[in-house]
mmCIF file of all heavy atoms, coordinates in Angstrom:
data_MODEL
# 
_entry.id   MODEL 
# 
loop_
_atom_site.group_PDB 
_atom_site.id 
_atom_site.type_symbol 
_atom_site.label_atom_id 
_atom_site.label_alt_id 
_atom_site.label_comp_id 
_atom_site.label_asym_id 
_atom_site.label_entity_id 
_atom_site.label_seq_id 
_atom_site.pdbx_PDB_ins_code 
_atom_site.Cartn_x 
_atom_site.Cartn_y 
_atom_site.Cartn_z 
_atom_site.occupancy 
_atom_site.B_iso_or_equiv 
_atom_site.pdbx_formal_charge 
_atom_site.auth_seq_id 
_atom_site.auth_comp_id 
_atom_site.auth_asym_id 
_atom_site.auth_atom_id 
_atom_site.pdbx_PDB_model_num 
ATOM 1   N N   . VAL A 1 1  ? 20.157  1.659  -2.700 1.00 0.00 ? 1  VAL A N   1 
ATOM 2   C CA  . VAL A 1 1  ? 19.337  0.642  -3.330 1.00 0.00 ? 1  VAL A CA  1 
ATOM 3   C C   . VAL A 1 1  ? 18.546  -0.144 -2.298 1.00 0.00 ? 1  VAL A C   1 
ATOM 4   O O   . VAL A 1 1  ? 17.372  -0.478 -2.506 1.00 0.00 ? 1  VAL A O   1 
ATOM 5   C CB  . VAL A 1 1  ? 20.218  -0.306 -4.178 1.00 0.00 ? 1  VAL A CB  1 
ATOM 6   C CG1 . VAL A 1 1  ? 19.392  -1.475 -4.719 1.00 0.00 ? 1  VAL A CG1 1 
ATOM 7   C CG2 . VAL A 1 1  ? 20.862  0.449  -5.322 1.00 0.00 ? 1  VAL A CG2 1 
ATOM 8   N N   . SER A 1 2  ? 19.168  -0.451 -1.151 1.00 0.00 ? 2  SER A N   1 
ATOM 9   C CA  . SER A 1 2  ? 18.476  -1.237 -0.133 1.00 0.00 ? 2  SER A CA  1 
ATOM 10  C C   . SER A 1 2  ? 17.237  -0.508 0.375  1.00 0.00 ? 2  SER A C   1 
ATOM 11  O O   . SER A 1 2  ? 16.178  -1.121 0.567  1.00 0.00 ? 2  SER A O   1 
ATOM 12  C CB  . SER A 1 2  ? 19.426  -1.535 1.037  1.00 0.00 ? 2  SER A CB  1 
ATOM 13  O OG  . SER A 1 2  ? 19.867  -0.334 1.647  1.00 0.00 ? 2  SER A OG  1 
ATOM 14  N N   . ARG A 1 3  ? 17.350  0.797  0.563  1.00 0.00 ? 3  ARG A N   1 
ATOM 15  C CA  . ARG A 1 3  ? 16.204  1.566  1.050  1.00 0.00 ? 3  ARG A CA  1 
ATOM 16  C C   . ARG A 1 3  ? 15.138  1.721  -0.041 1.00 0.00 ? 3  ARG A C   1 
ATOM 17  O O   . ARG A 1 3  ? 13.944  1.669  0.242  1.00 0.00 ? 3  ARG A O   1 
ATOM 18  C CB  . ARG A 1 3  ? 16.653  2.941  1.547  1.00 0.00 ? 3  ARG A CB  1 
ATOM 19  C CG  . ARG A 1 3  ? 17.528  2.868  2.790  1.00 0.00 ? 3  ARG A CG  1 
ATOM 20  C CD  . ARG A 1 3  ? 17.880  4.241  3.325  1.00 0.00 ? 3  ARG A CD  1 
ATOM 21  N NE  . ARG A 1 3  ? 18.749  4.122  4.483  1.00 0.00 ? 3  ARG A NE  1 
ATOM 22  C CZ  . ARG A 1 3  ? 18.326  3.930  5.716  1.00 0.00 ? 3  ARG A CZ  1 
ATOM 23  N NH1 . ARG A 1 3  ? 17.034  3.827  5.954  1.00 0.00 ? 3  ARG A NH1 1 
ATOM 24  N NH2 . ARG A 1 3  ? 19.180  3.829  6.718  1.00 0.00 ? 3  ARG A NH2 1 
ATOM 25  N N   . VAL A 1 4  ? 15.569  1.893  -1.284 1.00 0.00 ? 4  VAL A N   1 
ATOM 26  C CA  . VAL A 1 4  ? 14.599  2.005  -2.375 1.00 0.00 ? 4  VAL A CA  1 
ATOM 27  C C   . VAL A 1 4  ? 13.818  0.702  -2.527 1.00 0.00 ? 4  VAL A C   1 
ATOM 28  O O   . VAL A 1 4  ? 12.603  0.708  -2.742 1.00 0.00 ? 4  VAL A O   1 
ATOM 29  C CB  . VAL A 1 4  ? 15.309  2.361  -3.696 1.00 0.00 ? 4  VAL A CB  1 
ATOM 30  C CG1 . VAL A 1 4  ? 14.318  2.333  -4.861 1.00 0.00 ? 4  VAL A CG1 1 
ATOM 31  C CG2 . VAL A 1 4  ? 15.943  3.735  -3.603 1.00 0.00 ? 4  VAL A CG2 1 
ATOM 32  N N   . ALA A 1 5  ? 14.530  -0.431 -2.407 1.00 0.00 ? 5  ALA A N   1 
ATOM 33  C CA  . ALA A 1 5  ? 13.857  -1.732 -2.520 1.00 0.00 ? 5  ALA A CA  1 
ATOM 34  C C   . ALA A 1 5  ? 12.804  -1.888 -1.426 1.00 0.00 ? 5  ALA A C   1 
ATOM 35  O O   . ALA A 1 5  ? 11.679  -2.331 -1.678 1.00 0.00 ? 5  ALA A O   1 
ATOM 36  C CB  . ALA A 1 5  ? 14.878  -2.864 -2.439 1.00 0.00 ? 5  ALA A CB  1 
ATOM 37  N N   . ALA A 1 6  ? 13.170  -1.504 -0.198 1.00 0.00 ? 6  ALA A N   1 
ATOM 38  C CA  . ALA A 1 6  ? 12.218  -1.611 0.914  1.00 0.00 ? 6  ALA A CA  1 
ATOM 39  C C   . ALA A 1 6  ? 11.040  -0.671 0.713  1.00 0.00 ? 6  ALA A C   1 
ATOM 40  O O   . ALA A 1 6  ? 9.884   -1.042 0.936  1.00 0.00 ? 6  ALA A O   1 
ATOM 41  C CB  . ALA A 1 6  ? 12.926  -1.311 2.236  1.00 0.00 ? 6  ALA A CB  1 
ATOM 42  N N   . ARG A 1 7  ? 11.309  0.549  0.268  1.00 0.00 ? 7  ARG A N   1 
ATOM 43  C CA  . ARG A 1 7  ? 10.233  1.522  0.085  1.00 0.00 ? 7  ARG A CA  1 
ATOM 44  C C   . ARG A 1 7  ? 9.339   1.161  -1.082 1.00 0.00 ? 7  ARG A C   1 
ATOM 45  O O   . ARG A 1 7  ? 8.136   1.444  -1.073 1.00 0.00 ? 7  ARG A O   1 
ATOM 46  C CB  . ARG A 1 7  ? 10.836  2.918  -0.098 1.00 0.00 ? 7  ARG A CB  1 
ATOM 47  C CG  . ARG A 1 7  ? 11.482  3.422  1.180  1.00 0.00 ? 7  ARG A CG  1 
ATOM 48  C CD  . ARG A 1 7  ? 12.259  4.714  0.986  1.00 0.00 ? 7  ARG A CD  1 
ATOM 49  N NE  . ARG A 1 7  ? 12.952  5.078  2.225  1.00 0.00 ? 7  ARG A NE  1 
ATOM 50  C CZ  . ARG A 1 7  ? 13.709  6.155  2.358  1.00 0.00 ? 7  ARG A CZ  1 
ATOM 51  N NH1 . ARG A 1 7  ? 13.883  6.974  1.329  1.00 0.00 ? 7  ARG A NH1 1 
ATOM 52  N NH2 . ARG A 1 7  ? 14.301  6.408  3.509  1.00 0.00 ? 7  ARG A NH2 1 
ATOM 53  N N   . SER A 1 8  ? 9.904   0.533  -2.095 1.00 0.00 ? 8  SER A N   1 
ATOM 54  C CA  . SER A 1 8  ? 9.086   0.069  -3.210 1.00 0.00 ? 8  SER A CA  1 
ATOM 55  C C   . SER A 1 8  ? 8.080   -0.980 -2.736 1.00 0.00 ? 8  SER A C   1 
ATOM 56  O O   . SER A 1 8  ? 6.908   -0.965 -3.133 1.00 0.00 ? 8  SER A O   1 
ATOM 57  C CB  . SER A 1 8  ? 9.975   -0.520 -4.305 1.00 0.00 ? 8  SER A CB  1 
ATOM 58  O OG  . SER A 1 8  ? 9.195   -1.078 -5.339 1.00 0.00 ? 8  SER A OG  1 
ATOM 59  N N   . ALA A 1 9  ? 8.553   -1.892 -1.873 1.00 0.00 ? 9  ALA A N   1 
ATOM 60  C CA  . ALA A 1 9  ? 7.638   -2.897 -1.324 1.00 0.00 ? 9  ALA A CA  1 
ATOM 61  C C   . ALA A 1 9  ? 6.593   -2.244 -0.422 1.00 0.00 ? 9  ALA A C   1 
ATOM 62  O O   . ALA A 1 9  ? 5.415   -2.579 -0.461 1.00 0.00 ? 9  ALA A O   1 
ATOM 63  C CB  . ALA A 1 9  ? 8.426   -3.952 -0.553 1.00 0.00 ? 9  ALA A CB  1 
ATOM 64  N N   . LEU A 1 10 ? 7.036   -1.275 0.398  1.00 0.00 ? 10 LEU A N   1 
ATOM 65  C CA  . LEU A 1 10 ? 6.102   -0.599 1.293  1.00 0.00 ? 10 LEU A CA  1 
ATOM 66  C C   . LEU A 1 10 ? 5.083   0.237  0.528  1.00 0.00 ? 10 LEU A C   1 
ATOM 67  O O   . LEU A 1 10 ? 3.951   0.418  0.989  1.00 0.00 ? 10 LEU A O   1 
ATOM 68  C CB  . LEU A 1 10 ? 6.866   0.298  2.271  1.00 0.00 ? 10 LEU A CB  1 
ATOM 69  C CG  . LEU A 1 10 ? 7.705   -0.413 3.338  1.00 0.00 ? 10 LEU A CG  1 
ATOM 70  C CD1 . LEU A 1 10 ? 8.517   0.612  4.122  1.00 0.00 ? 10 LEU A CD1 1 
ATOM 71  C CD2 . LEU A 1 10 ? 6.829   -1.232 4.278  1.00 0.00 ? 10 LEU A CD2 1 
ATOM 72  N N   . SER A 1 11 ? 5.460   0.745  -0.647 1.00 0.00 ? 11 SER A N   1 
ATOM 73  C CA  . SER A 1 11 ? 4.532   1.576  -1.409 1.00 0.00 ? 11 SER A CA  1 
ATOM 74  C C   . SER A 1 11 ? 3.306   0.795  -1.860 1.00 0.00 ? 11 SER A C   1 
ATOM 75  O O   . SER A 1 11 ? 2.274   1.374  -2.196 1.00 0.00 ? 11 SER A O   1 
ATOM 76  C CB  . SER A 1 11 ? 5.240   2.167  -2.636 1.00 0.00 ? 11 SER A CB  1 
ATOM 77  O OG  . SER A 1 11 ? 5.516   1.167  -3.600 1.00 0.00 ? 11 SER A OG  1 
ATOM 78  N N   . ARG A 1 12 ? 3.420   -0.531 -1.873 1.00 0.00 ? 12 ARG A N   1 
ATOM 79  C CA  . ARG A 1 12 ? 2.262   -1.367 -2.200 1.00 0.00 ? 12 ARG A CA  1 
ATOM 80  C C   . ARG A 1 12 ? 1.105   -1.078 -1.245 1.00 0.00 ? 12 ARG A C   1 
ATOM 81  O O   . ARG A 1 12 ? -0.066  -1.231 -1.603 1.00 0.00 ? 12 ARG A O   1 
ATOM 82  C CB  . ARG A 1 12 ? 2.672   -2.846 -2.130 1.00 0.00 ? 12 ARG A CB  1 
ATOM 83  C CG  . ARG A 1 12 ? 1.530   -3.836 -2.282 1.00 0.00 ? 12 ARG A CG  1 
ATOM 84  C CD  . ARG A 1 12 ? 0.878   -3.779 -3.645 1.00 0.00 ? 12 ARG A CD  1 
ATOM 85  N NE  . ARG A 1 12 ? -0.348  -4.563 -3.687 1.00 0.00 ? 12 ARG A NE  1 
ATOM 86  C CZ  . ARG A 1 12 ? -1.195  -4.567 -4.703 1.00 0.00 ? 12 ARG A CZ  1 
ATOM 87  N NH1 . ARG A 1 12 ? -0.945  -3.829 -5.770 1.00 0.00 ? 12 ARG A NH1 1 
ATOM 88  N NH2 . ARG A 1 12 ? -2.286  -5.286 -4.667 1.00 0.00 ? 12 ARG A NH2 1 
ATOM 89  N N   . GLU A 1 13 ? 1.444   -0.646 -0.035 1.00 0.00 ? 13 GLU A N   1 
ATOM 90  C CA  . GLU A 1 13 ? 0.393   -0.383 0.944  1.00 0.00 ? 13 GLU A CA  1 
ATOM 91  C C   . GLU A 1 13 ? -0.467  0.812  0.564  1.00 0.00 ? 13 GLU A C   1 
ATOM 92  O O   . GLU A 1 13 ? -1.612  0.914  0.990  1.00 0.00 ? 13 GLU A O   1 
ATOM 93  C CB  . GLU A 1 13 ? 1.018   -0.192 2.327  1.00 0.00 ? 13 GLU A CB  1 
ATOM 94  C CG  . GLU A 1 13 ? 1.805   -1.403 2.781  1.00 0.00 ? 13 GLU A CG  1 
ATOM 95  C CD  . GLU A 1 13 ? 1.882   -1.524 4.289  1.00 0.00 ? 13 GLU A CD  1 
ATOM 96  O OE1 . GLU A 1 13 ? 1.066   -0.911 4.991  1.00 0.00 ? 13 GLU A OE1 1 
ATOM 97  O OE2 . GLU A 1 13 ? 2.780   -2.245 4.748  1.00 0.00 ? 13 GLU A OE2 1 
ATOM 98  N N   . TYR A 1 14 ? 0.064   1.743  -0.231 1.00 0.00 ? 14 TYR A N   1 
ATOM 99  C CA  . TYR A 1 14 ? -0.764  2.836  -0.723 1.00 0.00 ? 14 TYR A CA  1 
ATOM 100 C C   . TYR A 1 14 ? -1.869  2.294  -1.627 1.00 0.00 ? 14 TYR A C   1 
ATOM 101 O O   . TYR A 1 14 ? -3.028  2.697  -1.533 1.00 0.00 ? 14 TYR A O   1 
ATOM 102 C CB  . TYR A 1 14 ? 0.091   3.840  -1.502 1.00 0.00 ? 14 TYR A CB  1 
ATOM 103 C CG  . TYR A 1 14 ? 0.834   4.815  -0.639 1.00 0.00 ? 14 TYR A CG  1 
ATOM 104 C CD1 . TYR A 1 14 ? 2.143   4.569  -0.247 1.00 0.00 ? 14 TYR A CD1 1 
ATOM 105 C CD2 . TYR A 1 14 ? 0.227   5.996  -0.217 1.00 0.00 ? 14 TYR A CD2 1 
ATOM 106 C CE1 . TYR A 1 14 ? 2.832   5.470  0.542  1.00 0.00 ? 14 TYR A CE1 1 
ATOM 107 C CE2 . TYR A 1 14 ? 0.907   6.895  0.578  1.00 0.00 ? 14 TYR A CE2 1 
ATOM 108 C CZ  . TYR A 1 14 ? 2.209   6.634  0.951  1.00 0.00 ? 14 TYR A CZ  1 
ATOM 109 O OH  . TYR A 1 14 ? 2.888   7.521  1.748  1.00 0.00 ? 14 TYR A OH  1 
ATOM 110 N N   . VAL A 1 15 ? -1.495  1.385  -2.537 1.00 0.00 ? 15 VAL A N   1 
ATOM 111 C CA  . VAL A 1 15 ? -2.491  0.801  -3.432 1.00 0.00 ? 15 VAL A CA  1 
ATOM 112 C C   . VAL A 1 15 ? -3.456  -0.082 -2.641 1.00 0.00 ? 15 VAL A C   1 
ATOM 113 O O   . VAL A 1 15 ? -4.663  -0.080 -2.890 1.00 0.00 ? 15 VAL A O   1 
ATOM 114 C CB  . VAL A 1 15 ? -1.798  0.002  -4.550 1.00 0.00 ? 15 VAL A CB  1 
ATOM 115 C CG1 . VAL A 1 15 ? -2.826  -0.639 -5.479 1.00 0.00 ? 15 VAL A CG1 1 
ATOM 116 C CG2 . VAL A 1 15 ? -0.873  0.907  -5.346 1.00 0.00 ? 15 VAL A CG2 1 
ATOM 117 N N   . GLU A 1 16 ? -2.928  -0.818 -1.669 1.00 0.00 ? 16 GLU A N   1 
ATOM 118 C CA  . GLU A 1 16 ? -3.797  -1.655 -0.849 1.00 0.00 ? 16 GLU A CA  1 
ATOM 119 C C   . GLU A 1 16 ? -4.803  -0.817 -0.060 1.00 0.00 ? 16 GLU A C   1 
ATOM 120 O O   . GLU A 1 16 ? -5.908  -1.273 0.220  1.00 0.00 ? 16 GLU A O   1 
ATOM 121 C CB  . GLU A 1 16 ? -2.957  -2.498 0.113  1.00 0.00 ? 16 GLU A CB  1 
ATOM 122 C CG  . GLU A 1 16 ? -2.233  -3.647 -0.566 1.00 0.00 ? 16 GLU A CG  1 
ATOM 123 C CD  . GLU A 1 16 ? -1.441  -4.494 0.412  1.00 0.00 ? 16 GLU A CD  1 
ATOM 124 O OE1 . GLU A 1 16 ? -1.337  -4.090 1.593  1.00 0.00 ? 16 GLU A OE1 1 
ATOM 125 O OE2 . GLU A 1 16 ? -0.924  -5.549 -0.005 1.00 0.00 ? 16 GLU A OE2 1 
ATOM 126 N N   . PHE A 1 17 ? -4.413  0.420  0.283  1.00 0.00 ? 17 PHE A N   1 
ATOM 127 C CA  . PHE A 1 17 ? -5.355  1.291  0.977  1.00 0.00 ? 17 PHE A CA  1 
ATOM 128 C C   . PHE A 1 17 ? -6.586  1.535  0.107  1.00 0.00 ? 17 PHE A C   1 
ATOM 129 O O   . PHE A 1 17 ? -7.727  1.456  0.579  1.00 0.00 ? 17 PHE A O   1 
ATOM 130 C CB  . PHE A 1 17 ? -4.689  2.610  1.339  1.00 0.00 ? 17 PHE A CB  1 
ATOM 131 C CG  . PHE A 1 17 ? -5.603  3.574  2.056  1.00 0.00 ? 17 PHE A CG  1 
ATOM 132 C CD1 . PHE A 1 17 ? -5.841  3.431  3.413  1.00 0.00 ? 17 PHE A CD1 1 
ATOM 133 C CD2 . PHE A 1 17 ? -6.230  4.598  1.367  1.00 0.00 ? 17 PHE A CD2 1 
ATOM 134 C CE1 . PHE A 1 17 ? -6.689  4.311  4.075  1.00 0.00 ? 17 PHE A CE1 1 
ATOM 135 C CE2 . PHE A 1 17 ? -7.073  5.477  2.020  1.00 0.00 ? 17 PHE A CE2 1 
ATOM 136 C CZ  . PHE A 1 17 ? -7.305  5.335  3.377  1.00 0.00 ? 17 PHE A CZ  1 
ATOM 137 N N   . PHE A 1 18 ? -6.372  1.842  -1.181 1.00 0.00 ? 18 PHE A N   1 
ATOM 138 C CA  . PHE A 1 18 ? -7.501  2.069  -2.086 1.00 0.00 ? 18 PHE A CA  1 
ATOM 139 C C   . PHE A 1 18 ? -8.213  0.766  -2.442 1.00 0.00 ? 18 PHE A C   1 
ATOM 140 O O   . PHE A 1 18 ? -9.426  0.750  -2.613 1.00 0.00 ? 18 PHE A O   1 
ATOM 141 C CB  . PHE A 1 18 ? -7.021  2.748  -3.369 1.00 0.00 ? 18 PHE A CB  1 
ATOM 142 C CG  . PHE A 1 18 ? -6.671  4.200  -3.183 1.00 0.00 ? 18 PHE A CG  1 
ATOM 143 C CD1 . PHE A 1 18 ? -5.350  4.621  -3.240 1.00 0.00 ? 18 PHE A CD1 1 
ATOM 144 C CD2 . PHE A 1 18 ? -7.654  5.144  -2.946 1.00 0.00 ? 18 PHE A CD2 1 
ATOM 145 C CE1 . PHE A 1 18 ? -5.017  5.955  -3.070 1.00 0.00 ? 18 PHE A CE1 1 
ATOM 146 C CE2 . PHE A 1 18 ? -7.334  6.479  -2.773 1.00 0.00 ? 18 PHE A CE2 1 
ATOM 147 C CZ  . PHE A 1 18 ? -6.016  6.890  -2.833 1.00 0.00 ? 18 PHE A CZ  1 
ATOM 148 N N   . GLU A 1 19 ? -7.437  -0.315 -2.577 1.00 0.00 ? 19 GLU A N   1 
ATOM 149 C CA  . GLU A 1 19 ? -8.014  -1.577 -3.025 1.00 0.00 ? 19 GLU A CA  1 
ATOM 150 C C   . GLU A 1 19 ? -8.753  -2.309 -1.912 1.00 0.00 ? 19 GLU A C   1 
ATOM 151 O O   . GLU A 1 19 ? -9.794  -2.933 -2.157 1.00 0.00 ? 19 GLU A O   1 
ATOM 152 C CB  . GLU A 1 19 ? -6.905  -2.477 -3.581 1.00 0.00 ? 19 GLU A CB  1 
ATOM 153 C CG  . GLU A 1 19 ? -7.401  -3.793 -4.149 1.00 0.00 ? 19 GLU A CG  1 
ATOM 154 C CD  . GLU A 1 19 ? -6.280  -4.627 -4.720 1.00 0.00 ? 19 GLU A CD  1 
ATOM 155 O OE1 . GLU A 1 19 ? -5.094  -4.229 -4.584 1.00 0.00 ? 19 GLU A OE1 1 
ATOM 156 O OE2 . GLU A 1 19 ? -6.568  -5.677 -5.313 1.00 0.00 ? 19 GLU A OE2 1 
ATOM 157 N N   . GLN A 1 20 ? -8.227  -2.240 -0.688 1.00 0.00 ? 20 GLN A N   1 
ATOM 158 C CA  . GLN A 1 20 ? -8.793  -3.031 0.405  1.00 0.00 ? 20 GLN A CA  1 
ATOM 159 C C   . GLN A 1 20 ? -9.406  -2.183 1.511  1.00 0.00 ? 20 GLN A C   1 
ATOM 160 O O   . GLN A 1 20 ? -10.505 -2.487 1.987  1.00 0.00 ? 20 GLN A O   1 
ATOM 161 C CB  . GLN A 1 20 ? -7.706  -3.932 1.000  1.00 0.00 ? 20 GLN A CB  1 
ATOM 162 C CG  . GLN A 1 20 ? -7.124  -4.926 0.017  1.00 0.00 ? 20 GLN A CG  1 
ATOM 163 C CD  . GLN A 1 20 ? -6.036  -5.776 0.640  1.00 0.00 ? 20 GLN A CD  1 
ATOM 164 O OE1 . GLN A 1 20 ? -5.912  -5.867 1.856  1.00 0.00 ? 20 GLN A OE1 1 
ATOM 165 N NE2 . GLN A 1 20 ? -5.227  -6.416 -0.193 1.00 0.00 ? 20 GLN A NE2 1 
ATOM 166 N N   . TYR A 1 21 ? -8.724  -1.111 1.903  1.00 0.00 ? 21 TYR A N   1 
ATOM 167 C CA  . TYR A 1 21 ? -9.144  -0.413 3.110  1.00 0.00 ? 21 TYR A CA  1 
ATOM 168 C C   . TYR A 1 21 ? -10.223 0.638  2.871  1.00 0.00 ? 21 TYR A C   1 
ATOM 169 O O   . TYR A 1 21 ? -11.079 0.841  3.732  1.00 0.00 ? 21 TYR A O   1 
ATOM 170 C CB  . TYR A 1 21 ? -7.924  0.185  3.818  1.00 0.00 ? 21 TYR A CB  1 
ATOM 171 C CG  . TYR A 1 21 ? -7.056  -0.890 4.409  1.00 0.00 ? 21 TYR A CG  1 
ATOM 172 C CD1 . TYR A 1 21 ? -5.979  -1.410 3.695  1.00 0.00 ? 21 TYR A CD1 1 
ATOM 173 C CD2 . TYR A 1 21 ? -7.350  -1.431 5.657  1.00 0.00 ? 21 TYR A CD2 1 
ATOM 174 C CE1 . TYR A 1 21 ? -5.196  -2.423 4.229  1.00 0.00 ? 21 TYR A CE1 1 
ATOM 175 C CE2 . TYR A 1 21 ? -6.571  -2.438 6.195  1.00 0.00 ? 21 TYR A CE2 1 
ATOM 176 C CZ  . TYR A 1 21 ? -5.497  -2.939 5.478  1.00 0.00 ? 21 TYR A CZ  1 
ATOM 177 O OH  . TYR A 1 21 ? -4.741  -3.954 6.003  1.00 0.00 ? 21 TYR A OH  1 
ATOM 178 N N   . VAL A 1 22 ? -10.211 1.306  1.709  1.00 0.00 ? 22 VAL A N   1 
ATOM 179 C CA  . VAL A 1 22 ? -11.335 2.205  1.410  1.00 0.00 ? 22 VAL A CA  1 
ATOM 180 C C   . VAL A 1 22 ? -12.624 1.404  1.224  1.00 0.00 ? 22 VAL A C   1 
ATOM 181 O O   . VAL A 1 22 ? -13.664 1.769  1.790  1.00 0.00 ? 22 VAL A O   1 
ATOM 182 C CB  . VAL A 1 22 ? -11.025 3.091  0.186  1.00 0.00 ? 22 VAL A CB  1 
ATOM 183 C CG1 . VAL A 1 22 ? -12.264 3.873  -0.233 1.00 0.00 ? 22 VAL A CG1 1 
ATOM 184 C CG2 . VAL A 1 22 ? -9.890  4.061  0.507  1.00 0.00 ? 22 VAL A CG2 1 
ATOM 185 N N   . PRO A 1 23 ? -12.614 0.287  0.456  1.00 0.00 ? 23 PRO A N   1 
ATOM 186 C CA  . PRO A 1 23 ? -13.820 -0.545 0.434  1.00 0.00 ? 23 PRO A CA  1 
ATOM 187 C C   . PRO A 1 23 ? -14.221 -1.047 1.818  1.00 0.00 ? 23 PRO A C   1 
ATOM 188 O O   . PRO A 1 23 ? -15.415 -1.157 2.126  1.00 0.00 ? 23 PRO A O   1 
ATOM 189 C CB  . PRO A 1 23 ? -13.422 -1.713 -0.481 1.00 0.00 ? 23 PRO A CB  1 
ATOM 190 C CG  . PRO A 1 23 ? -12.410 -1.126 -1.394 1.00 0.00 ? 23 PRO A CG  1 
ATOM 191 C CD  . PRO A 1 23 ? -11.623 -0.169 -0.540 1.00 0.00 ? 23 PRO A CD  1 
ATOM 192 N N   . LEU A 1 24 ? -13.231 -1.339 2.653  1.00 0.00 ? 24 LEU A N   1 
ATOM 193 C CA  . LEU A 1 24 ? -13.546 -1.758 4.011  1.00 0.00 ? 24 LEU A CA  1 
ATOM 194 C C   . LEU A 1 24 ? -14.244 -0.640 4.786  1.00 0.00 ? 24 LEU A C   1 
ATOM 195 O O   . LEU A 1 24 ? -15.186 -0.876 5.546  1.00 0.00 ? 24 LEU A O   1 
ATOM 196 C CB  . LEU A 1 24 ? -12.255 -2.168 4.726  1.00 0.00 ? 24 LEU A CB  1 
ATOM 197 C CG  . LEU A 1 24 ? -12.377 -3.081 5.951  1.00 0.00 ? 24 LEU A CG  1 
ATOM 198 C CD1 . LEU A 1 24 ? -12.997 -4.410 5.572  1.00 0.00 ? 24 LEU A CD1 1 
ATOM 199 C CD2 . LEU A 1 24 ? -10.999 -3.305 6.560  1.00 0.00 ? 24 LEU A CD2 1 
ATOM 200 N N   . LEU A 1 25 ? -13.778 0.603  4.567  1.00 0.00 ? 25 LEU A N   1 
ATOM 201 C CA  . LEU A 1 25 ? -14.423 1.753  5.198  1.00 0.00 ? 25 LEU A CA  1 
ATOM 202 C C   . LEU A 1 25 ? -15.845 1.939  4.679  1.00 0.00 ? 25 LEU A C   1 
ATOM 203 O O   . LEU A 1 25 ? -16.774 2.201  5.457  1.00 0.00 ? 25 LEU A O   1 
ATOM 204 C CB  . LEU A 1 25 ? -13.594 3.005  4.929  1.00 0.00 ? 25 LEU A CB  1 
ATOM 205 C CG  . LEU A 1 25 ? -14.192 4.337  5.417  1.00 0.00 ? 25 LEU A CG  1 
ATOM 206 C CD1 . LEU A 1 25 ? -14.379 4.316  6.938  1.00 0.00 ? 25 LEU A CD1 1 
ATOM 207 C CD2 . LEU A 1 25 ? -13.310 5.506  4.996  1.00 0.00 ? 25 LEU A CD2 1 
ATOM 208 N N   . ILE A 1 26 ? -16.024 1.814  3.364  1.00 0.00 ? 26 ILE A N   1 
ATOM 209 C CA  . ILE A 1 26 ? -17.366 1.928  2.785  1.00 0.00 ? 26 ILE A CA  1 
ATOM 210 C C   . ILE A 1 26 ? -18.287 0.860  3.360  1.00 0.00 ? 26 ILE A C   1 
ATOM 211 O O   . ILE A 1 26 ? -19.435 1.127  3.742  1.00 0.00 ? 26 ILE A O   1 
ATOM 212 C CB  . ILE A 1 26 ? -17.300 1.821  1.252  1.00 0.00 ? 26 ILE A CB  1 
ATOM 213 C CG1 . ILE A 1 26 ? -16.530 3.008  0.667  1.00 0.00 ? 26 ILE A CG1 1 
ATOM 214 C CG2 . ILE A 1 26 ? -18.699 1.741  0.648  1.00 0.00 ? 26 ILE A CG2 1 
ATOM 215 C CD1 . ILE A 1 26 ? -16.251 2.887  -0.822 1.00 0.00 ? 26 ILE A CD1 1 
ATOM 216 N N   . ARG A 1 27 ? -17.786 -0.358 3.437  1.00 0.00 ? 27 ARG A N   1 
ATOM 217 C CA  . ARG A 1 27 ? -18.587 -1.457 3.998  1.00 0.00 ? 27 ARG A CA  1 
ATOM 218 C C   . ARG A 1 27 ? -18.936 -1.182 5.459  1.00 0.00 ? 27 ARG A C   1 
ATOM 219 O O   . ARG A 1 27 ? -20.061 -1.443 5.900  1.00 0.00 ? 27 ARG A O   1 
ATOM 220 C CB  . ARG A 1 27 ? -17.796 -2.768 3.880  1.00 0.00 ? 27 ARG A CB  1 
ATOM 221 C CG  . ARG A 1 27 ? -18.562 -4.003 4.324  1.00 0.00 ? 27 ARG A CG  1 
ATOM 222 C CD  . ARG A 1 27 ? -17.679 -5.226 4.203  1.00 0.00 ? 27 ARG A CD  1 
ATOM 223 N NE  . ARG A 1 27 ? -18.344 -6.430 4.667  1.00 0.00 ? 27 ARG A NE  1 
ATOM 224 C CZ  . ARG A 1 27 ? -19.040 -7.252 3.897  1.00 0.00 ? 27 ARG A CZ  1 
ATOM 225 N NH1 . ARG A 1 27 ? -19.155 -6.995 2.599  1.00 0.00 ? 27 ARG A NH1 1 
ATOM 226 N NH2 . ARG A 1 27 ? -19.625 -8.337 4.393  1.00 0.00 ? 27 ARG A NH2 1 
# 
C-alpha cells in the first residue's frame, strides 16, 4: 500500500506532462 500510494501521487506527473510540459514545449 505504501508504494501504491507513492506511485499514485507520482502518476500525477504523467498528466502534468500533457497539461503543463507539452504546452511548454509548444510555446
